[in-house]
């Protein structure tokens, strides 16, 4: 098990507030990048040794969760958004039966073997601080942070570092302003930054939203531009981020 990459799936994880029951993980998942990390277990009066009262959180354990958005669920706070990539799936362009969706013949049971953690680590690239690629990411995010600050949602080093790691590891990103670079950066605006603006009154932040529109036009990702414009048309004059709707890929 130590050699394997393990993905832990948490279903319907926002039926209760994530910040409450997952709070220990939110901080310790970051700590484990540089040191061995443990969760302290409440074992009461059980006669256990000190090391048995702790649960290790190995680096090869990744956590993925599913959520719904309705009157029975809880929205995510900035604390969670800063520490996770949130994929918001928009309305599909065309409704399909399960048989149609799986018409390419692939299924979960058709794959053999597993990805080791060493393989996973080997795929990851570290950002080069003085590269043109990282400089361009910094340029966009610095401008975006100035806008987010005016809207009451500034971000700090953690978000910048996470977005930079995401972009440099995105498939096909080798230089700034390429199609892959723009798509990766658009992903991060949609996954980390724009969800924080839900509920803002459009009339009260019109100038800031227009400044965001200018940034998105520079990035040039059509899905991001369209999703942002849709969010500005939310009910009751509020900004309502609903995620991306990407054009279907031809087979």
Protein backbone atom coordinates (compact mmCIF):
# COMPACT_ATOMS: atom_id res chain seq x y z
CA UNK A 1 0.00 0.00 0.00
CA UNK A 2 2.88 2.42 0.71
CA UNK A 3 3.89 2.44 -2.96
CA UNK A 4 0.42 3.08 -4.30
CA UNK A 5 -1.37 6.32 -5.05
CA UNK A 6 -4.59 6.16 -3.02
CA UNK A 7 -7.61 8.36 -3.78
CA UNK A 8 -10.15 8.67 -0.97
CA UNK A 9 -13.62 9.63 -2.25
CA UNK A 10 -15.95 11.55 0.09
CA UNK A 11 -19.48 11.58 -1.33
CA UNK A 12 -21.94 14.42 -0.60
CA UNK A 13 -19.30 16.08 1.56
CA UNK A 14 -21.13 19.40 1.98
CA UNK A 15 -24.24 18.06 3.74
CA UNK A 16 -22.45 19.51 6.79
CA UNK A 17 -19.97 22.38 6.79
CA UNK A 18 -16.65 21.11 5.44
CA UNK A 19 -14.75 23.57 7.63
CA UNK A 20 -16.12 21.90 10.76
CA UNK A 21 -15.54 18.19 10.26
CA UNK A 22 -12.58 18.45 7.86
CA UNK A 23 -10.76 21.30 9.59
CA UNK A 24 -7.85 19.18 10.85
CA UNK A 25 -7.20 17.89 7.36
CA UNK A 26 -7.29 21.34 5.78
CA UNK A 27 -4.18 22.42 7.67
CA UNK A 28 -2.40 19.07 7.96
CA UNK A 29 -2.65 18.23 4.26
CA UNK A 30 -0.40 21.23 3.67
CA UNK A 31 1.97 20.42 6.53
CA UNK A 32 2.66 16.93 5.17
CA UNK A 33 4.47 18.37 2.14
CA UNK A 34 7.49 19.08 4.32
CA UNK A 35 7.17 16.71 7.29
CA UNK A 36 5.44 13.58 8.55
CA UNK A 37 1.90 14.50 9.57
CA UNK A 38 -0.53 12.79 11.93
CA UNK A 39 -4.08 13.16 13.15
CA UNK A 40 -4.53 12.86 16.90
CA UNK A 41 -7.12 10.21 17.73
CA UNK A 42 -9.53 10.55 20.64
CA UNK A 43 -9.21 7.06 22.12
CA UNK A 44 -10.44 7.91 25.60
CA UNK A 45 -8.93 5.77 28.34
CA UNK A 46 -7.70 2.98 26.08
CA UNK A 47 -4.21 1.85 27.18
CA UNK A 48 -2.40 2.73 23.96
CA UNK A 49 1.15 3.92 23.41
CA UNK A 50 1.66 7.49 22.23
CA UNK A 51 2.41 6.43 18.65
CA UNK A 52 -0.79 4.37 18.59
CA UNK A 53 -2.86 7.44 19.39
CA UNK A 54 -1.94 9.05 16.08
CA UNK A 55 -3.06 8.31 12.54
CA UNK A 56 -0.51 9.07 9.81
CA UNK A 57 -1.60 10.97 6.68
CA UNK A 58 0.79 9.70 3.98
CA UNK A 59 1.59 11.90 0.99
CA UNK A 60 0.22 9.29 -1.40
CA UNK A 61 -3.31 9.69 0.02
CA UNK A 62 -5.31 12.21 -2.02
CA UNK A 63 -8.83 13.31 -1.10
CA UNK A 64 -11.62 13.93 -3.61
CA UNK A 65 -15.20 14.86 -2.76
CA UNK A 66 -18.53 15.29 -4.52
CA UNK A 67 -21.04 18.01 -3.68
CA UNK A 68 -24.50 19.17 -4.66
CA UNK A 69 -25.78 22.72 -4.54
CA UNK A 70 -29.32 23.00 -3.22
CA UNK A 71 -31.25 24.09 -0.12
CA UNK A 72 -29.98 21.08 1.88
CA UNK A 73 -26.25 21.72 1.44
CA UNK A 74 -23.63 24.16 2.71
CA UNK A 75 -21.59 26.50 0.52
CA UNK A 76 -17.79 26.50 0.71
CA UNK A 77 -15.88 29.18 2.56
CA UNK A 78 -12.78 30.94 1.25
CA UNK A 79 -10.71 28.76 3.59
CA UNK A 80 -11.74 25.64 1.68
CA UNK A 81 -11.54 27.25 -1.76
CA UNK A 82 -7.97 28.36 -1.01
CA UNK A 83 -6.92 24.78 -0.29
CA UNK A 84 -8.76 22.85 -2.98
CA UNK A 85 -9.58 22.82 -6.67
CA UNK A 86 -13.37 22.97 -7.02
CA UNK A 87 -14.78 21.72 -10.32
CA UNK A 88 -18.27 23.15 -10.88
CA UNK A 89 -19.99 21.29 -13.68
CA UNK A 90 -22.33 23.42 -15.74
CA UNK A 91 -25.35 22.28 -17.70
CA UNK A 92 -24.39 19.70 -20.37
CA UNK A 93 -24.88 20.81 -23.96
CA UNK A 94 -26.87 17.65 -24.68
CA UNK A 95 -28.59 15.16 -22.38
CA UNK A 96 -27.55 11.55 -22.97
CA UNK A 97 -28.48 8.10 -21.74
CA UNK A 98 -25.82 6.16 -19.87
CA UNK A 99 -25.37 3.89 -22.89
CA UNK A 100 -24.69 6.90 -25.13
CA UNK A 101 -22.23 8.46 -22.69
CA UNK A 102 -20.24 5.19 -22.57
CA UNK A 103 -20.41 4.52 -26.30
CA UNK A 104 -16.62 4.71 -26.64
CA UNK A 105 -16.43 1.28 -25.01
CA UNK A 106 -14.34 2.27 -21.99
CA UNK A 107 -15.41 1.43 -18.47
CA UNK A 108 -13.99 1.50 -14.97
CA UNK A 109 -13.39 -2.23 -15.11
CA UNK A 110 -11.38 -2.17 -18.31
CA UNK A 111 -8.21 -0.73 -16.77
CA UNK A 112 -5.53 -2.91 -15.26
CA UNK A 113 -2.83 -2.15 -12.71
CA UNK A 114 -2.39 1.03 -10.72
CA UNK A 115 -0.32 4.20 -10.67
CA UNK A 116 2.40 4.16 -8.05
CA UNK A 117 3.11 7.26 -5.99
CA UNK A 118 6.63 7.41 -7.41
CA UNK A 119 5.13 7.53 -10.92
CA UNK A 120 2.78 10.29 -9.83
CA UNK A 121 5.66 12.27 -8.33
CA UNK A 122 7.66 11.77 -11.50
CA UNK A 123 4.95 13.48 -13.52
CA UNK A 124 5.01 16.63 -11.38
CA UNK A 125 7.08 19.66 -12.31
CA UNK A 126 8.22 22.40 -9.96
CA UNK A 127 7.69 26.04 -11.01
CA UNK A 128 10.87 27.87 -12.01
CA UNK A 129 10.69 31.27 -10.26
CA UNK A 130 12.51 33.28 -12.94
CA UNK A 131 10.90 31.68 -15.98
CA UNK A 132 8.72 33.61 -18.43
CA UNK A 133 5.93 31.14 -17.72
CA UNK A 134 5.82 31.89 -13.99
CA UNK A 135 6.25 35.63 -14.61
CA UNK A 136 3.15 35.65 -16.81
CA UNK A 137 1.14 33.75 -14.19
CA UNK A 138 2.28 36.28 -11.58
CA UNK A 139 1.25 39.15 -13.86
CA UNK A 140 -2.31 37.88 -14.27
CA UNK A 141 -2.75 36.95 -10.61
CA UNK A 142 -1.29 40.21 -9.32
CA UNK A 143 -3.87 42.13 -11.37
CA UNK A 144 -6.62 39.74 -10.29
CA UNK A 145 -5.67 40.10 -6.61
CA UNK A 146 -5.98 43.87 -6.80
CA UNK A 147 -9.56 43.39 -8.01
CA UNK A 148 -10.30 40.69 -5.43
CA UNK A 149 -9.04 43.03 -2.70
CA UNK A 150 -11.54 45.71 -3.71
CA UNK A 151 -14.28 43.07 -3.62
CA UNK A 152 -13.29 41.97 -0.11
CA UNK A 153 -11.75 38.62 -1.10
CA UNK A 154 -7.96 39.09 -1.46
CA UNK A 155 -5.74 36.02 -1.57
CA UNK A 156 -2.20 35.38 -0.35
CA UNK A 157 0.82 33.21 -1.09
CA UNK A 158 -1.00 29.88 -0.69
CA UNK A 159 -3.39 30.55 -3.57
CA UNK A 160 -0.69 31.98 -5.82
CA UNK A 161 1.57 28.99 -5.21
CA UNK A 162 -1.25 26.49 -5.78
CA UNK A 163 -2.34 28.12 -9.04
CA UNK A 164 1.24 28.27 -10.29
CA UNK A 165 1.78 24.57 -9.56
CA UNK A 166 -1.44 23.72 -11.36
CA UNK A 167 -0.59 25.71 -14.49
CA UNK A 168 2.99 24.45 -14.89
CA UNK A 169 1.76 20.86 -14.49
CA UNK A 170 -1.15 21.21 -16.91
CA UNK A 171 -0.75 18.89 -19.94
CA UNK A 172 0.81 20.67 -22.89
CA UNK A 173 1.93 23.82 -21.07
CA UNK A 174 5.46 24.61 -22.21
CA UNK A 175 5.26 28.37 -22.78
CA UNK A 176 3.19 31.33 -21.71
CA UNK A 177 0.11 32.45 -23.69
CA UNK A 178 -0.24 29.10 -25.44
CA UNK A 179 -3.69 27.54 -25.75
CA UNK A 180 -2.88 25.06 -22.98
CA UNK A 181 -1.54 27.85 -20.73
CA UNK A 182 -4.69 29.91 -21.21
CA UNK A 183 -6.92 26.90 -20.52
CA UNK A 184 -5.02 26.05 -17.33
CA UNK A 185 -5.18 29.63 -16.06
CA UNK A 186 -8.89 29.80 -16.91
CA UNK A 187 -9.44 26.60 -14.93
CA UNK A 188 -7.94 28.16 -11.84
CA UNK A 189 -9.99 31.33 -12.08
CA UNK A 190 -13.07 29.13 -12.26
CA UNK A 191 -11.97 26.71 -9.54
CA UNK A 192 -10.43 29.03 -6.93
CA UNK A 193 -11.30 32.69 -7.45
CA UNK A 194 -14.69 33.22 -9.07
CA UNK A 195 -16.61 30.95 -6.64
CA UNK A 196 -15.64 33.41 -3.89
CA UNK A 197 -17.69 36.12 -5.59
CA UNK A 198 -21.04 34.32 -5.33
CA UNK A 199 -23.75 36.58 -3.99
CA UNK A 200 -22.07 39.90 -4.78
CA UNK A 201 -24.50 42.55 -6.04
CA UNK A 202 -23.68 43.29 -9.67
CA UNK A 203 -24.58 46.98 -9.47
CA UNK A 204 -22.27 47.53 -6.49
CA UNK A 205 -19.18 46.01 -8.12
CA UNK A 206 -19.73 46.77 -11.80
CA UNK A 207 -16.31 48.38 -12.28
CA UNK A 208 -14.42 45.49 -10.68
CA UNK A 209 -16.31 42.90 -12.73
CA UNK A 210 -15.51 44.82 -15.91
CA UNK A 211 -11.84 44.75 -14.92
CA UNK A 212 -12.13 40.98 -14.61
CA UNK A 213 -13.71 40.88 -18.06
CA UNK A 214 -10.65 42.67 -19.45
CA UNK A 215 -8.31 40.09 -17.88
CA UNK A 216 -10.36 37.21 -19.25
CA UNK A 217 -10.33 38.70 -22.74
CA UNK A 218 -6.53 38.85 -22.52
CA UNK A 219 -6.44 35.18 -21.51
CA UNK A 220 -8.76 34.42 -24.39
CA UNK A 221 -10.43 31.26 -23.06
CA UNK A 222 -13.92 31.19 -24.55
CA UNK A 223 -15.41 28.91 -21.91
CA UNK A 224 -14.23 31.24 -19.12
CA UNK A 225 -15.52 34.35 -20.86
CA UNK A 226 -18.95 32.83 -21.52
CA UNK A 227 -19.28 31.41 -17.99
CA UNK A 228 -18.31 34.76 -16.46
CA UNK A 229 -20.89 36.64 -18.54
CA UNK A 230 -23.55 34.11 -17.51
CA UNK A 231 -22.62 34.55 -13.84
CA UNK A 232 -23.20 38.30 -14.16
CA UNK A 233 -26.79 37.60 -15.24
CA UNK A 234 -27.70 35.84 -11.99
CA UNK A 235 -31.04 36.13 -10.23
CA UNK A 236 -31.85 39.11 -8.01
CA UNK A 237 -28.92 41.09 -9.43
CA UNK A 238 -26.34 38.81 -7.81
CA UNK A 239 -23.19 37.24 -9.23
CA UNK A 240 -23.89 33.49 -9.50
CA UNK A 241 -20.94 31.37 -10.58
CA UNK A 242 -22.18 28.12 -12.15
CA UNK A 243 -19.01 26.69 -13.62
CA UNK A 244 -17.83 26.01 -17.15
CA UNK A 245 -19.61 24.45 -20.09
CA UNK A 246 -16.94 23.25 -22.51
CA UNK A 247 -17.70 22.36 -26.14
CA UNK A 248 -17.79 18.62 -26.69
CA UNK A 249 -14.69 17.15 -28.27
CA UNK A 250 -15.09 15.43 -31.60
CA UNK A 251 -14.27 11.73 -31.50
